[in-house]
């Protein structure tokens, strides 16, 4: 299977496609950055970008604090995917949209089970006509919102768009990048239509409040290891802390502080269950003062210790 990527040529304004025939080198390029930095790679299609060994069974899985937006149409018999803390046994014609910085892992390489593209939001700019990839999905705090079943007719429409994207890479003309961007935007708009038709959507008379709530959630996902202070996020959004608290309460029915704690706890659970990091290493990764402080935080919110959680089936 060929693997394609697009990267920023530092000497050119536009990105250009490159092709890798060595699949063994491909994940190494992404994970170890031997040649190109992660920030330079904007669009991927082919075999999965991040691979690591499962702690218990030695199987190849993907384990991502996803640096890309991922769109995946499942077309095979059986595959499991965990997004955040929710497990999904995928069914034929399930459509999955995972925005940047949302952690997920799969029981096998998802590209072997359907159609898949990975891209950074900046890859679509200035083509993108929606404010963010997150706008495709309903605004909720649940991880179940990332998967929606499609009818055969809807799946055929999505399949056609994927095949057009793949075909454009085969052509590799001067306009390949722009054409692919247009197809991805159409793909996103169809995803938005299908997701918001099936899943419950939060409606609010203040459209600006919805935009700010989405931006806050995206910032927390991205910067959870950098800051846990509500006022820092309010400053990044150029609003007051009080206004941010009002918006999150009205749109999500929670507080900014609670959403930050929930996100931090989810990150901790994923690291404890899906990596070989020691509890001390998990605490350090999440930038707690020490392991003891991390353990107290974890037990306060779960009523069990990190070690007890790790040992749970």
C-alpha atoms as a PDB file:
ATOM      1  CA  UNK A   1       0.000   0.000   0.000  1.00  0.00           C
ATOM      2  CA  UNK A   2       1.323   3.419  -0.880  1.00  0.00           C
ATOM      3  CA  UNK A   3       1.475   6.046   1.808  1.00  0.00           C
ATOM      4  CA  UNK A   4       1.009   9.711   0.978  1.00  0.00           C
ATOM      5  CA  UNK A   5       1.723  12.849   2.915  1.00  0.00           C
ATOM      6  CA  UNK A   6       1.768  16.545   2.291  1.00  0.00           C
ATOM      7  CA  UNK A   7       4.253  18.801   4.014  1.00  0.00           C
ATOM      8  CA  UNK A   8       5.193  22.444   4.094  1.00  0.00           C
ATOM      9  CA  UNK A   9       8.203  23.254   1.939  1.00  0.00           C
ATOM     10  CA  UNK A  10       9.881  26.006   3.922  1.00  0.00           C
ATOM     11  CA  UNK A  11      11.012  27.698   0.713  1.00  0.00           C
ATOM     12  CA  UNK A  12       7.552  27.733  -0.892  1.00  0.00           C
ATOM     13  CA  UNK A  13       4.209  29.233   0.032  1.00  0.00           C
ATOM     14  CA  UNK A  14       2.203  26.126  -0.939  1.00  0.00           C
ATOM     15  CA  UNK A  15       2.512  22.555   0.287  1.00  0.00           C
ATOM     16  CA  UNK A  16       3.540  19.769  -2.049  1.00  0.00           C
ATOM     17  CA  UNK A  17       2.784  16.008  -2.004  1.00  0.00           C
ATOM     18  CA  UNK A  18       5.393  13.365  -1.306  1.00  0.00           C
ATOM     19  CA  UNK A  19       5.080   9.581  -1.391  1.00  0.00           C
ATOM     20  CA  UNK A  20       6.674   6.962   0.860  1.00  0.00           C
ATOM     21  CA  UNK A  21       7.025   3.375  -0.294  1.00  0.00           C
ATOM     22  CA  UNK A  22       8.713   2.228   2.913  1.00  0.00           C
ATOM     23  CA  UNK A  23       5.923   1.670   5.443  1.00  0.00           C
ATOM     24  CA  UNK A  24       8.461   0.947   8.171  1.00  0.00           C
ATOM     25  CA  UNK A  25       9.861   4.446   7.770  1.00  0.00           C
ATOM     26  CA  UNK A  26       6.468   6.123   7.776  1.00  0.00           C
ATOM     27  CA  UNK A  27       5.564   5.899  11.497  1.00  0.00           C
ATOM     28  CA  UNK A  28       9.184   6.593  12.329  1.00  0.00           C
ATOM     29  CA  UNK A  29       8.928   9.872  10.422  1.00  0.00           C
ATOM     30  CA  UNK A  30       5.903  10.925  12.427  1.00  0.00           C
ATOM     31  CA  UNK A  31       6.931   9.721  15.862  1.00  0.00           C
ATOM     32  CA  UNK A  32      10.672  10.365  15.881  1.00  0.00           C
ATOM     33  CA  UNK A  33      10.731  13.344  13.507  1.00  0.00           C
ATOM     34  CA  UNK A  34      13.925  12.117  11.851  1.00  0.00           C
ATOM     35  CA  UNK A  35      13.427  14.293   8.799  1.00  0.00           C
ATOM     36  CA  UNK A  36      10.337  16.438   9.094  1.00  0.00           C
ATOM     37  CA  UNK A  37       8.752  17.930  12.162  1.00  0.00           C
ATOM     38  CA  UNK A  38       5.211  16.939  13.097  1.00  0.00           C
ATOM     39  CA  UNK A  39       4.121  20.525  12.484  1.00  0.00           C
ATOM     40  CA  UNK A  40       5.202  20.354   8.832  1.00  0.00           C
ATOM     41  CA  UNK A  41       3.002  17.374   7.944  1.00  0.00           C
ATOM     42  CA  UNK A  42      -0.502  18.491   7.100  1.00  0.00           C
ATOM     43  CA  UNK A  43      -2.352  15.708   5.284  1.00  0.00           C
ATOM     44  CA  UNK A  44      -2.058  11.919   5.428  1.00  0.00           C
ATOM     45  CA  UNK A  45      -3.749   8.991   3.767  1.00  0.00           C
ATOM     46  CA  UNK A  46      -2.535   5.406   3.798  1.00  0.00           C
ATOM     47  CA  UNK A  47      -1.368   3.369   6.754  1.00  0.00           C
ATOM     48  CA  UNK A  48      -1.900   4.654  10.288  1.00  0.00           C
ATOM     49  CA  UNK A  49       0.415   7.444  11.375  1.00  0.00           C
ATOM     50  CA  UNK A  50       1.105   6.496  15.002  1.00  0.00           C
ATOM     51  CA  UNK A  51       1.874   2.927  16.012  1.00  0.00           C
ATOM     52  CA  UNK A  52       2.939   1.447  19.316  1.00  0.00           C
ATOM     53  CA  UNK A  53       2.984  -1.987  20.965  1.00  0.00           C
ATOM     54  CA  UNK A  54       0.065  -2.933  23.177  1.00  0.00           C
ATOM     55  CA  UNK A  55       1.137  -3.353  26.797  1.00  0.00           C
ATOM     56  CA  UNK A  56      -0.611  -6.706  27.224  1.00  0.00           C
ATOM     57  CA  UNK A  57      -0.885  -8.502  23.881  1.00  0.00           C
ATOM     58  CA  UNK A  58       1.961  -7.137  21.803  1.00  0.00           C
ATOM     59  CA  UNK A  59      -0.359  -6.153  18.943  1.00  0.00           C
ATOM     60  CA  UNK A  60       0.138  -3.079  16.826  1.00  0.00           C
ATOM     61  CA  UNK A  61      -2.375  -0.409  17.704  1.00  0.00           C
ATOM     62  CA  UNK A  62      -2.597   3.305  17.171  1.00  0.00           C
ATOM     63  CA  UNK A  63      -2.399   5.420  20.308  1.00  0.00           C
ATOM     64  CA  UNK A  64      -2.838   9.095  19.623  1.00  0.00           C
ATOM     65  CA  UNK A  65      -3.272  12.383  21.316  1.00  0.00           C
ATOM     66  CA  UNK A  66      -4.267  12.946  17.762  1.00  0.00           C
ATOM     67  CA  UNK A  67      -2.286  15.764  16.095  1.00  0.00           C
ATOM     68  CA  UNK A  68      -4.621  15.447  13.102  1.00  0.00           C
ATOM     69  CA  UNK A  69      -8.308  15.607  12.359  1.00  0.00           C
ATOM     70  CA  UNK A  70      -9.362  12.090  11.359  1.00  0.00           C
ATOM     71  CA  UNK A  71     -12.338  11.053   9.217  1.00  0.00           C
ATOM     72  CA  UNK A  72     -12.984   7.325   8.926  1.00  0.00           C
ATOM     73  CA  UNK A  73     -15.721   5.357   7.148  1.00  0.00           C
ATOM     74  CA  UNK A  74     -15.890   1.773   8.441  1.00  0.00           C
ATOM     75  CA  UNK A  75     -16.680  -0.760   5.672  1.00  0.00           C
ATOM     76  CA  UNK A  76     -15.571  -4.125   7.080  1.00  0.00           C
ATOM     77  CA  UNK A  77     -16.873  -6.720   9.508  1.00  0.00           C
ATOM     78  CA  UNK A  78     -15.440  -5.903  12.923  1.00  0.00           C
ATOM     79  CA  UNK A  79     -13.159  -3.327  14.529  1.00  0.00           C
ATOM     80  CA  UNK A  80     -13.057  -1.675  17.947  1.00  0.00           C
ATOM     81  CA  UNK A  81     -12.129   1.927  18.596  1.00  0.00           C
ATOM     82  CA  UNK A  82     -11.788   3.807  21.875  1.00  0.00           C
ATOM     83  CA  UNK A  83     -12.296   7.564  21.718  1.00  0.00           C
ATOM     84  CA  UNK A  84     -11.537   9.242  24.992  1.00  0.00           C
ATOM     85  CA  UNK A  85     -12.870   6.695  27.495  1.00  0.00           C
ATOM     86  CA  UNK A  86     -15.718   5.330  25.363  1.00  0.00           C
ATOM     87  CA  UNK A  87     -15.360   2.029  23.517  1.00  0.00           C
ATOM     88  CA  UNK A  88     -17.161   1.467  20.215  1.00  0.00           C
ATOM     89  CA  UNK A  89     -17.648  -1.838  18.392  1.00  0.00           C
ATOM     90  CA  UNK A  90     -17.917  -0.428  14.890  1.00  0.00           C
ATOM     91  CA  UNK A  91     -20.585  -1.598  12.464  1.00  0.00           C
ATOM     92  CA  UNK A  92     -20.764  -1.471   8.675  1.00  0.00           C
ATOM     93  CA  UNK A  93     -21.118   2.127   7.424  1.00  0.00           C
ATOM     94  CA  UNK A  94     -20.269   3.787  10.740  1.00  0.00           C
ATOM     95  CA  UNK A  95     -18.776   7.249  10.187  1.00  0.00           C
ATOM     96  CA  UNK A  96     -16.167   8.509  12.656  1.00  0.00           C
ATOM     97  CA  UNK A  97     -14.900  12.091  12.977  1.00  0.00           C
ATOM     98  CA  UNK A  98     -12.139  12.764  15.528  1.00  0.00           C
ATOM     99  CA  UNK A  99     -10.889  16.365  15.850  1.00  0.00           C
ATOM    100  CA  UNK A 100      -7.315  17.362  16.632  1.00  0.00           C
ATOM    101  CA  UNK A 101      -6.099  16.698  20.180  1.00  0.00           C
ATOM    102  CA  UNK A 102      -8.770  14.090  20.985  1.00  0.00           C
ATOM    103  CA  UNK A 103      -7.146  10.861  22.182  1.00  0.00           C
ATOM    104  CA  UNK A 104      -8.151   7.584  20.542  1.00  0.00           C
ATOM    105  CA  UNK A 105      -6.796   4.122  19.901  1.00  0.00           C
ATOM    106  CA  UNK A 106      -7.882   1.176  17.791  1.00  0.00           C
ATOM    107  CA  UNK A 107      -7.604  -2.600  17.981  1.00  0.00           C
ATOM    108  CA  UNK A 108      -6.045  -2.616  14.478  1.00  0.00           C
ATOM    109  CA  UNK A 109      -4.951  -0.210  11.785  1.00  0.00           C
ATOM    110  CA  UNK A 110      -8.134   1.591  10.798  1.00  0.00           C
ATOM    111  CA  UNK A 111      -6.982   2.040   7.209  1.00  0.00           C
ATOM    112  CA  UNK A 112      -7.363  -1.724   6.795  1.00  0.00           C
ATOM    113  CA  UNK A 113     -11.073  -1.444   7.670  1.00  0.00           C
ATOM    114  CA  UNK A 114     -12.373   1.280   5.396  1.00  0.00           C
ATOM    115  CA  UNK A 115     -11.601   4.761   4.098  1.00  0.00           C
ATOM    116  CA  UNK A 116      -9.578   7.199   6.154  1.00  0.00           C
ATOM    117  CA  UNK A 117      -7.862  10.579   5.924  1.00  0.00           C
ATOM    118  CA  UNK A 118      -5.883  12.537   8.490  1.00  0.00           C
ATOM    119  CA  UNK A 119      -5.323  16.262   8.103  1.00  0.00           C
ATOM    120  CA  UNK A 120      -4.539  19.357  10.119  1.00  0.00           C
ATOM    121  CA  UNK A 121      -7.009  22.207  10.211  1.00  0.00           C
ATOM    122  CA  UNK A 122      -4.419  24.574   8.774  1.00  0.00           C
ATOM    123  CA  UNK A 123      -4.238  22.335   5.680  1.00  0.00           C
ATOM    124  CA  UNK A 124      -7.705  23.539   4.644  1.00  0.00           C
ATOM    125  CA  UNK A 125      -7.148  27.219   5.301  1.00  0.00           C
ATOM    126  CA  UNK A 126      -8.229  29.518   3.725  1.00  0.00           C
ATOM    127  CA  UNK A 127     -10.670  27.069   2.094  1.00  0.00           C
ATOM    128  CA  UNK A 128     -12.510  26.150   5.280  1.00  0.00           C
ATOM    129  CA  UNK A 129     -16.011  27.655   5.386  1.00  0.00           C
ATOM    130  CA  UNK A 130     -16.843  26.418   8.893  1.00  0.00           C
ATOM    131  CA  UNK A 131     -15.189  27.980  11.930  1.00  0.00           C
ATOM    132  CA  UNK A 132     -13.563  24.719  13.104  1.00  0.00           C
ATOM    133  CA  UNK A 133     -13.608  20.965  12.541  1.00  0.00           C
ATOM    134  CA  UNK A 134     -15.396  20.650  15.874  1.00  0.00           C
ATOM    135  CA  UNK A 135     -18.398  22.414  14.333  1.00  0.00           C
ATOM    136  CA  UNK A 136     -19.150  19.174  12.483  1.00  0.00           C
ATOM    137  CA  UNK A 137     -20.042  17.495  15.776  1.00  0.00           C
ATOM    138  CA  UNK A 138     -22.778  18.223  18.318  1.00  0.00           C
ATOM    139  CA  UNK A 139     -21.589  20.333  21.263  1.00  0.00           C
ATOM    140  CA  UNK A 140     -21.629  17.908  24.202  1.00  0.00           C
ATOM    141  CA  UNK A 141     -19.135  16.617  26.760  1.00  0.00           C
ATOM    142  CA  UNK A 142     -19.703  12.981  25.729  1.00  0.00           C
ATOM    143  CA  UNK A 143     -17.194  10.940  23.725  1.00  0.00           C
ATOM    144  CA  UNK A 144     -20.017   8.962  22.054  1.00  0.00           C
ATOM    145  CA  UNK A 145     -20.668  11.920  19.747  1.00  0.00           C
ATOM    146  CA  UNK A 146     -17.763  10.977  17.457  1.00  0.00           C
ATOM    147  CA  UNK A 147     -19.483   7.980  15.802  1.00  0.00           C
ATOM    148  CA  UNK A 148     -22.689   7.956  13.767  1.00  0.00           C
ATOM    149  CA  UNK A 149     -24.296   5.169  11.660  1.00  0.00           C
ATOM    150  CA  UNK A 150     -24.992   5.891   7.994  1.00  0.00           C
ATOM    151  CA  UNK A 151     -27.544   4.468   5.601  1.00  0.00           C
ATOM    152  CA  UNK A 152     -26.238   2.619   2.533  1.00  0.00           C
ATOM    153  CA  UNK A 153     -27.041   5.662   0.394  1.00  0.00           C
ATOM    154  CA  UNK A 154     -25.183   8.038   2.745  1.00  0.00           C
ATOM    155  CA  UNK A 155     -22.206   5.660   2.936  1.00  0.00           C
ATOM    156  CA  UNK A 156     -22.038   5.575  -0.880  1.00  0.00           C
ATOM    157  CA  UNK A 157     -21.831   9.385  -0.965  1.00  0.00           C
ATOM    158  CA  UNK A 158     -18.994   9.409   1.588  1.00  0.00           C
ATOM    159  CA  UNK A 159     -17.234   6.548  -0.246  1.00  0.00           C
ATOM    160  CA  UNK A 160     -17.341   8.502  -3.511  1.00  0.00           C
ATOM    161  CA  UNK A 161     -15.710  11.516  -1.836  1.00  0.00           C
ATOM    162  CA  UNK A 162     -12.928   9.376  -0.363  1.00  0.00           C
ATOM    163  CA  UNK A 163     -12.289   7.731  -3.732  1.00  0.00           C
ATOM    164  CA  UNK A 164     -12.077  11.134  -5.399  1.00  0.00           C
ATOM    165  CA  UNK A 165      -9.485  12.210  -2.808  1.00  0.00           C
ATOM    166  CA  UNK A 166      -7.428   9.071  -3.417  1.00  0.00           C
ATOM    167  CA  UNK A 167      -7.743   9.455  -7.196  1.00  0.00           C
ATOM    168  CA  UNK A 168      -6.473  13.035  -7.036  1.00  0.00           C
ATOM    169  CA  UNK A 169      -3.354  11.868  -5.250  1.00  0.00           C
ATOM    170  CA  UNK A 170      -2.762   9.384  -8.061  1.00  0.00           C
ATOM    171  CA  UNK A 171      -2.949  12.203 -10.616  1.00  0.00           C
ATOM    172  CA  UNK A 172      -0.566  14.486  -8.704  1.00  0.00           C
ATOM    173  CA  UNK A 173      -1.178  17.541 -10.881  1.00  0.00           C
ATOM    174  CA  UNK A 174      -0.295  21.133 -10.051  1.00  0.00           C
ATOM    175  CA  UNK A 175      -3.812  21.590  -8.658  1.00  0.00           C
ATOM    176  CA  UNK A 176      -3.882  18.341  -6.661  1.00  0.00           C
ATOM    177  CA  UNK A 177      -3.596  20.037  -3.280  1.00  0.00           C
ATOM    178  CA  UNK A 178      -6.363  22.560  -3.964  1.00  0.00           C
ATOM    179  CA  UNK A 179      -8.711  19.911  -5.370  1.00  0.00           C
ATOM    180  CA  UNK A 180      -8.136  17.656  -2.356  1.00  0.00           C
ATOM    181  CA  UNK A 181      -8.840  20.540   0.000  1.00  0.00           C
ATOM    182  CA  UNK A 182     -12.147  21.162  -1.761  1.00  0.00           C
ATOM    183  CA  UNK A 183     -13.115  17.491  -1.520  1.00  0.00           C
ATOM    184  CA  UNK A 184     -12.246  17.412   2.186  1.00  0.00           C
ATOM    185  CA  UNK A 185     -14.414  20.449   2.813  1.00  0.00           C
ATOM    186  CA  UNK A 186     -17.333  18.769   1.011  1.00  0.00           C
ATOM    187  CA  UNK A 187     -16.640  15.662   3.096  1.00  0.00           C
ATOM    188  CA  UNK A 188     -16.764  17.736   6.282  1.00  0.00           C
ATOM    189  CA  UNK A 189     -20.030  19.391   5.304  1.00  0.00           C
ATOM    190  CA  UNK A 190     -21.622  15.995   4.584  1.00  0.00           C
ATOM    191  CA  UNK A 191     -20.329  14.748   7.957  1.00  0.00           C
ATOM    192  CA  UNK A 192     -21.894  17.766   9.637  1.00  0.00           C
ATOM    193  CA  UNK A 193     -25.219  17.060   7.929  1.00  0.00           C
ATOM    194  CA  UNK A 194     -25.236  13.382   8.942  1.00  0.00           C
ATOM    195  CA  UNK A 195     -24.018  13.869  12.513  1.00  0.00           C
ATOM    196  CA  UNK A 196     -26.378  16.678  13.382  1.00  0.00           C
ATOM    197  CA  UNK A 197     -29.317  14.881  11.774  1.00  0.00           C
ATOM    198  CA  UNK A 198     -28.870  11.780  13.953  1.00  0.00           C
ATOM    199  CA  UNK A 199     -27.364  13.005  17.221  1.00  0.00           C
ATOM    200  CA  UNK A 200     -28.947  15.472  19.609  1.00  0.00           C
ATOM    201  CA  UNK A 201     -27.597  18.963  19.082  1.00  0.00           C
ATOM    202  CA  UNK A 202     -27.342  21.680  21.701  1.00  0.00           C
ATOM    203  CA  UNK A 203     -29.330  24.686  20.462  1.00  0.00           C
ATOM    204  CA  UNK A 204     -28.763  28.086  21.923  1.00  0.00           C
ATOM    205  CA  UNK A 205     -30.087  31.458  20.901  1.00  0.00           C
ATOM    206  CA  UNK A 206     -26.634  33.004  21.331  1.00  0.00           C
ATOM    207  CA  UNK A 207     -24.515  31.715  18.445  1.00  0.00           C
ATOM    208  CA  UNK A 208     -21.472  33.523  19.833  1.00  0.00           C
ATOM    209  CA  UNK A 209     -21.803  31.555  23.078  1.00  0.00           C
ATOM    210  CA  UNK A 210     -21.685  28.275  21.141  1.00  0.00           C
ATOM    211  CA  UNK A 211     -18.573  29.361  19.287  1.00  0.00           C
ATOM    212  CA  UNK A 212     -16.826  30.345  22.535  1.00  0.00           C
ATOM    213  CA  UNK A 213     -17.838  27.084  24.227  1.00  0.00           C
ATOM    214  CA  UNK A 214     -16.368  25.080  21.335  1.00  0.00           C
ATOM    215  CA  UNK A 215     -13.199  27.161  21.409  1.00  0.00           C
ATOM    216  CA  UNK A 216     -12.857  26.664  25.167  1.00  0.00           C
ATOM    217  CA  UNK A 217     -13.250  22.874  24.868  1.00  0.00           C
ATOM    218  CA  UNK A 218     -10.691  22.748  22.048  1.00  0.00           C
ATOM    219  CA  UNK A 219      -8.218  24.845  24.055  1.00  0.00           C
ATOM    220  CA  UNK A 220      -8.584  22.617  27.116  1.00  0.00           C
ATOM    221  CA  UNK A 221      -7.958  19.508  24.993  1.00  0.00           C
ATOM    222  CA  UNK A 222      -4.842  21.103  23.527  1.00  0.00           C
ATOM    223  CA  UNK A 223      -3.370  22.827  26.587  1.00  0.00           C
ATOM    224  CA  UNK A 224      -4.442  20.639  29.512  1.00  0.00           C
ATOM    225  CA  UNK A 225      -0.819  19.889  30.414  1.00  0.00           C
ATOM    226  CA  UNK A 226       0.161  23.550  30.135  1.00  0.00           C
ATOM    227  CA  UNK A 227      -2.433  25.179  32.374  1.00  0.00           C
ATOM    228  CA  UNK A 228      -5.409  24.244  34.553  1.00  0.00           C
ATOM    229  CA  UNK A 229      -6.381  27.831  35.428  1.00  0.00           C
ATOM    230  CA  UNK A 230      -9.779  29.031  34.229  1.00  0.00           C
ATOM    231  CA  UNK A 231      -8.491  32.594  34.009  1.00  0.00           C
ATOM    232  CA  UNK A 232      -5.735  31.503  31.581  1.00  0.00           C
ATOM    233  CA  UNK A 233      -8.314  30.104  29.176  1.00  0.00           C
ATOM    234  CA  UNK A 234     -10.483  33.193  29.567  1.00  0.00           C
ATOM    235  CA  UNK A 235      -7.473  35.338  28.663  1.00  0.00           C
ATOM    236  CA  UNK A 236      -6.778  33.200  25.585  1.00  0.00           C
ATOM    237  CA  UNK A 237     -10.399  33.719  24.527  1.00  0.00           C
ATOM    238  CA  UNK A 238     -10.178  37.457  25.307  1.00  0.00           C
ATOM    239  CA  UNK A 239     -13.139  37.352  27.687  1.00  0.00           C
ATOM    240  CA  UNK A 240     -13.522  37.665  31.452  1.00  0.00           C
ATOM    241  CA  UNK A 241     -13.487  34.609  33.728  1.00  0.00           C
ATOM    242  CA  UNK A 242     -17.027  35.439  34.845  1.00  0.00           C
ATOM    243  CA  UNK A 243     -18.260  35.556  31.235  1.00  0.00           C
ATOM    244  CA  UNK A 244     -16.594  32.221  30.463  1.00  0.00           C
ATOM    245  CA  UNK A 245     -18.248  30.607  33.494  1.00  0.00           C
ATOM    246  CA  UNK A 246     -21.646  31.921  32.360  1.00  0.00           C
ATOM    247  CA  UNK A 247     -21.179  30.619  28.801  1.00  0.00           C
ATOM    248  CA  UNK A 248     -20.087  27.110  29.837  1.00  0.00           C
ATOM    249  CA  UNK A 249     -22.882  26.847  32.376  1.00  0.00           C
ATOM    250  CA  UNK A 250     -25.516  27.827  29.791  1.00  0.00           C
ATOM    251  CA  UNK A 251     -24.212  25.728  26.891  1.00  0.00           C
ATOM    252  CA  UNK A 252     -22.792  22.621  28.590  1.00  0.00           C
ATOM    253  CA  UNK A 253     -24.450  22.631  31.994  1.00  0.00           C
ATOM    254  CA  UNK A 254     -21.146  22.487  33.860  1.00  0.00           C
ATOM    255  CA  UNK A 255     -18.377  24.838  35.003  1.00  0.00           C
ATOM    256  CA  UNK A 256     -15.064  25.580  33.265  1.00  0.00           C
ATOM    257  CA  UNK A 257     -13.199  24.217  36.285  1.00  0.00           C
ATOM    258  CA  UNK A 258     -15.145  20.952  36.194  1.00  0.00           C
ATOM    259  CA  UNK A 259     -14.583  20.546  32.453  1.00  0.00           C
ATOM    260  CA  UNK A 260     -10.849  21.086  32.982  1.00  0.00           C
ATOM    261  CA  UNK A 261     -10.802  18.485  35.762  1.00  0.00           C
ATOM    262  CA  UNK A 262     -12.823  16.018  33.655  1.00  0.00           C
ATOM    263  CA  UNK A 263     -10.418  16.430  30.739  1.00  0.00           C
ATOM    264  CA  UNK A 264      -7.383  15.993  32.986  1.00  0.00           C
ATOM    265  CA  UNK A 265      -8.902  12.900  34.573  1.00  0.00           C
ATOM    266  CA  UNK A 266      -9.657  11.390  31.166  1.00  0.00           C
ATOM    267  CA  UNK A 267      -6.062  11.982  30.068  1.00  0.00           C
ATOM    268  CA  UNK A 268      -4.813  10.284  33.233  1.00  0.00           C
ATOM    269  CA  UNK A 269      -7.082   7.259  32.725  1.00  0.00           C
ATOM    270  CA  UNK A 270      -5.948   6.841  29.132  1.00  0.00           C
ATOM    271  CA  UNK A 271      -2.288   6.989  30.117  1.00  0.00           C
ATOM    272  CA  UNK A 272      -2.806   4.527  32.975  1.00  0.00           C
ATOM    273  CA  UNK A 273      -4.679   1.989  30.858  1.00  0.00           C
ATOM    274  CA  UNK A 274      -3.050   2.332  27.467  1.00  0.00           C
ATOM    275  CA  UNK A 275       0.638   2.970  28.166  1.00  0.00           C
ATOM    276  CA  UNK A 276       3.477   1.436  30.135  1.00  0.00           C
ATOM    277  CA  UNK A 277       4.247   4.671  31.950  1.00  0.00           C
ATOM    278  CA  UNK A 278       4.715   4.320  35.677  1.00  0.00           C
ATOM    279  CA  UNK A 279       2.345   6.298  37.895  1.00  0.00           C
ATOM    280  CA  UNK A 280       5.194   8.688  38.605  1.00  0.00           C
ATOM    281  CA  UNK A 281       5.752   9.132  34.851  1.00  0.00           C
ATOM    282  CA  UNK A 282       2.034   9.747  34.291  1.00  0.00           C
ATOM    283  CA  UNK A 283       2.089  12.388  37.018  1.00  0.00           C
ATOM    284  CA  UNK A 284       5.147  14.012  35.422  1.00  0.00           C
ATOM    285  CA  UNK A 285       3.594  13.870  31.930  1.00  0.00           C
ATOM    286  CA  UNK A 286       0.489  15.652  33.214  1.00  0.00           C
ATOM    287  CA  UNK A 287       2.715  18.142  35.057  1.00  0.00           C
ATOM    288  CA  UNK A 288       1.583  17.437  38.603  1.00  0.00           C
ATOM    289  CA  UNK A 289       3.972  18.570  41.335  1.00  0.00           C
ATOM    290  CA  UNK A 290       4.669  14.958  42.285  1.00  0.00           C
ATOM    291  CA  UNK A 291       3.137  11.482  42.275  1.00  0.00           C
ATOM    292  CA  UNK A 292       1.524  11.996  45.678  1.00  0.00           C
ATOM    293  CA  UNK A 293      -0.342  15.092  44.504  1.00  0.00           C
ATOM    294  CA  UNK A 294      -1.484  13.297  41.362  1.00  0.00           C
ATOM    295  CA  UNK A 295      -2.715  10.311  43.391  1.00  0.00           C
ATOM    296  CA  UNK A 296      -4.703  12.571  45.713  1.00  0.00           C
ATOM    297  CA  UNK A 297      -6.306  14.330  42.727  1.00  0.00           C
ATOM    298  CA  UNK A 298      -7.166  11.008  41.090  1.00  0.00           C
ATOM    299  CA  UNK A 299      -8.659   9.465  44.232  1.00  0.00           C
ATOM    300  CA  UNK A 300     -10.658  12.605  45.001  1.00  0.00           C
ATOM    301  CA  UNK A 301     -12.440  12.341  41.656  1.00  0.00           C
ATOM    302  CA  UNK A 302     -12.689   8.542  41.291  1.00  0.00           C
ATOM    303  CA  UNK A 303     -12.597   7.248  44.919  1.00  0.00           C
ATOM    304  CA  UNK A 304      -9.804   4.829  43.945  1.00  0.00           C
ATOM    305  CA  UNK A 305      -6.037   5.176  43.543  1.00  0.00           C
ATOM    306  CA  UNK A 306      -4.287   5.269  40.140  1.00  0.00           C
ATOM    307  CA  UNK A 307      -2.834   1.811  40.816  1.00  0.00           C
ATOM    308  CA  UNK A 308      -6.268   0.391  41.660  1.00  0.00           C
ATOM    309  CA  UNK A 309      -7.657   1.892  38.448  1.00  0.00           C
ATOM    310  CA  UNK A 310      -4.812   0.410  36.393  1.00  0.00           C
ATOM    311  CA  UNK A 311      -5.473  -3.037  37.838  1.00  0.00           C
ATOM    312  CA  UNK A 312      -9.203  -2.926  37.028  1.00  0.00           C
ATOM    313  CA  UNK A 313     -10.281  -5.108  34.082  1.00  0.00           C
END
